[in-house]
Amino acid sequence: MKLKKSDKVRVTVDLSPEVYEILPVLMKMSFTQTKAELIRNAIRYYRFILLQEEKGSTFCVKNPDGTYKEVLLVF
């Protein structure tokens, strides 16, 4: 059965207390209103990163002094 964009699927996840405590911090940092919104955004970002890596892209962080440092993403 193919799902429509308007369909919703419930997912249950077990998190350690340490990870669970990070959720409100990330919500505040990312201006998200709900944990579900935070997780949806995280999945979209993760997908983007993986698709870019498949294309051979690398990721860099621009330091405050204007220099760049490559970030190695290990999954």
C-alpha atoms as a PDB file:
ATOM      1  CA  MET A   1       0.000   0.000   0.000  1.00  0.00           C
ATOM      2  CA  LYS A   2       1.433   3.367  -1.048  1.00  0.00           C
ATOM      3  CA  LEU A   3       1.124   6.221   1.441  1.00  0.00           C
ATOM      4  CA  LYS A   4      -0.058   9.684   0.434  1.00  0.00           C
ATOM      5  CA  LYS A   5       1.748  12.807   1.634  1.00  0.00           C
ATOM      6  CA  SER A   6      -1.231  13.588   3.841  1.00  0.00           C
ATOM      7  CA  ASP A   7      -1.021  10.196   5.575  1.00  0.00           C
ATOM      8  CA  LYS A   8       0.724   9.946   8.924  1.00  0.00           C
ATOM      9  CA  VAL A   9       2.565   6.957  10.344  1.00  0.00           C
ATOM     10  CA  ARG A  10       3.219   6.572  14.061  1.00  0.00           C
ATOM     11  CA  VAL A  11       6.738   5.500  15.017  1.00  0.00           C
ATOM     12  CA  THR A  12       7.878   4.500  18.487  1.00  0.00           C
ATOM     13  CA  VAL A  13      11.516   5.018  19.427  1.00  0.00           C
ATOM     14  CA  ASP A  14      13.423   4.010  22.534  1.00  0.00           C
ATOM     15  CA  LEU A  15      15.951   6.644  23.601  1.00  0.00           C
ATOM     16  CA  SER A  16      18.430   6.651  26.416  1.00  0.00           C
ATOM     17  CA  PRO A  17      17.783   9.274  29.101  1.00  0.00           C
ATOM     18  CA  GLU A  18      20.881  11.163  27.939  1.00  0.00           C
ATOM     19  CA  VAL A  19      19.605  11.432  24.359  1.00  0.00           C
ATOM     20  CA  TYR A  20      16.088  12.290  25.512  1.00  0.00           C
ATOM     21  CA  GLU A  21      17.457  15.181  27.603  1.00  0.00           C
ATOM     22  CA  ILE A  22      19.090  16.638  24.470  1.00  0.00           C
ATOM     23  CA  LEU A  23      15.760  16.943  22.620  1.00  0.00           C
ATOM     24  CA  PRO A  24      14.525  20.122  24.377  1.00  0.00           C
ATOM     25  CA  VAL A  25      17.951  21.716  23.911  1.00  0.00           C
ATOM     26  CA  LEU A  26      17.850  20.981  20.177  1.00  0.00           C
ATOM     27  CA  MET A  27      14.245  22.191  19.969  1.00  0.00           C
ATOM     28  CA  LYS A  28      15.245  25.529  21.474  1.00  0.00           C
ATOM     29  CA  MET A  29      18.339  25.839  19.267  1.00  0.00           C
ATOM     30  CA  SER A  30      16.375  25.033  16.100  1.00  0.00           C
ATOM     31  CA  PHE A  31      13.188  26.940  17.040  1.00  0.00           C
ATOM     32  CA  THR A  32      11.033  23.835  16.627  1.00  0.00           C
ATOM     33  CA  GLN A  33       7.785  23.519  18.526  1.00  0.00           C
ATOM     34  CA  THR A  34       7.494  19.741  18.904  1.00  0.00           C
ATOM     35  CA  LYS A  35       9.717  16.699  19.198  1.00  0.00           C
ATOM     36  CA  ALA A  36       8.051  15.284  16.087  1.00  0.00           C
ATOM     37  CA  GLU A  37       8.987  18.400  14.100  1.00  0.00           C
ATOM     38  CA  LEU A  38      12.556  18.172  15.392  1.00  0.00           C
ATOM     39  CA  ILE A  39      12.844  14.528  14.357  1.00  0.00           C
ATOM     40  CA  ARG A  40      11.299  15.180  10.918  1.00  0.00           C
ATOM     41  CA  ASN A  41      13.834  17.960  10.349  1.00  0.00           C
ATOM     42  CA  ALA A  42      16.688  15.746  11.508  1.00  0.00           C
ATOM     43  CA  ILE A  43      15.658  13.030   9.055  1.00  0.00           C
ATOM     44  CA  ARG A  44      15.520  15.552   6.199  1.00  0.00           C
ATOM     45  CA  TYR A  45      18.998  16.872   7.083  1.00  0.00           C
ATOM     46  CA  TYR A  46      20.383  13.349   7.395  1.00  0.00           C
ATOM     47  CA  ARG A  47      18.972  12.432   3.977  1.00  0.00           C
ATOM     48  CA  PHE A  48      20.483  15.587   2.451  1.00  0.00           C
ATOM     49  CA  ILE A  49      23.897  14.777   3.925  1.00  0.00           C
ATOM     50  CA  LEU A  50      23.825  11.196   2.666  1.00  0.00           C
ATOM     51  CA  LEU A  51      22.741  12.266  -0.828  1.00  0.00           C
ATOM     52  CA  GLN A  52      25.545  14.831  -0.976  1.00  0.00           C
ATOM     53  CA  GLU A  53      28.105  12.260   0.165  1.00  0.00           C
ATOM     54  CA  GLU A  54      26.886   9.881  -2.570  1.00  0.00           C
ATOM     55  CA  LYS A  55      27.725  12.625  -5.086  1.00  0.00           C
ATOM     56  CA  GLY A  56      31.251  12.886  -3.657  1.00  0.00           C
ATOM     57  CA  SER A  57      30.717  16.136  -1.757  1.00  0.00           C
ATOM     58  CA  THR A  58      32.568  16.912   1.444  1.00  0.00           C
ATOM     59  CA  PHE A  59      31.394  19.026   4.368  1.00  0.00           C
ATOM     60  CA  CYS A  60      33.269  21.926   5.878  1.00  0.00           C
ATOM     61  CA  VAL A  61      32.804  24.210   8.835  1.00  0.00           C
ATOM     62  CA  LYS A  62      33.716  27.861   8.494  1.00  0.00           C
ATOM     63  CA  ASN A  63      35.575  28.944  11.608  1.00  0.00           C
ATOM     64  CA  PRO A  64      35.087  32.415  13.132  1.00  0.00           C
ATOM     65  CA  ASP A  65      38.483  33.448  11.718  1.00  0.00           C
ATOM     66  CA  GLY A  66      37.288  32.678   8.167  1.00  0.00           C
ATOM     67  CA  THR A  67      39.225  29.450   7.715  1.00  0.00           C
ATOM     68  CA  TYR A  68      37.516  26.203   6.767  1.00  0.00           C
ATOM     69  CA  LYS A  69      37.883  22.766   8.278  1.00  0.00           C
ATOM     70  CA  GLU A  70      36.613  19.600   6.619  1.00  0.00           C
ATOM     71  CA  VAL A  71      34.204  17.612   8.745  1.00  0.00           C
ATOM     72  CA  LEU A  72      34.472  13.842   8.498  1.00  0.00           C
ATOM     73  CA  LEU A  73      31.065  12.279   8.902  1.00  0.00           C
ATOM     74  CA  VAL A  74      31.231   8.725  10.203  1.00  0.00           C
ATOM     75  CA  PHE A  75      28.033   6.722  10.267  1.00  0.00           C
END
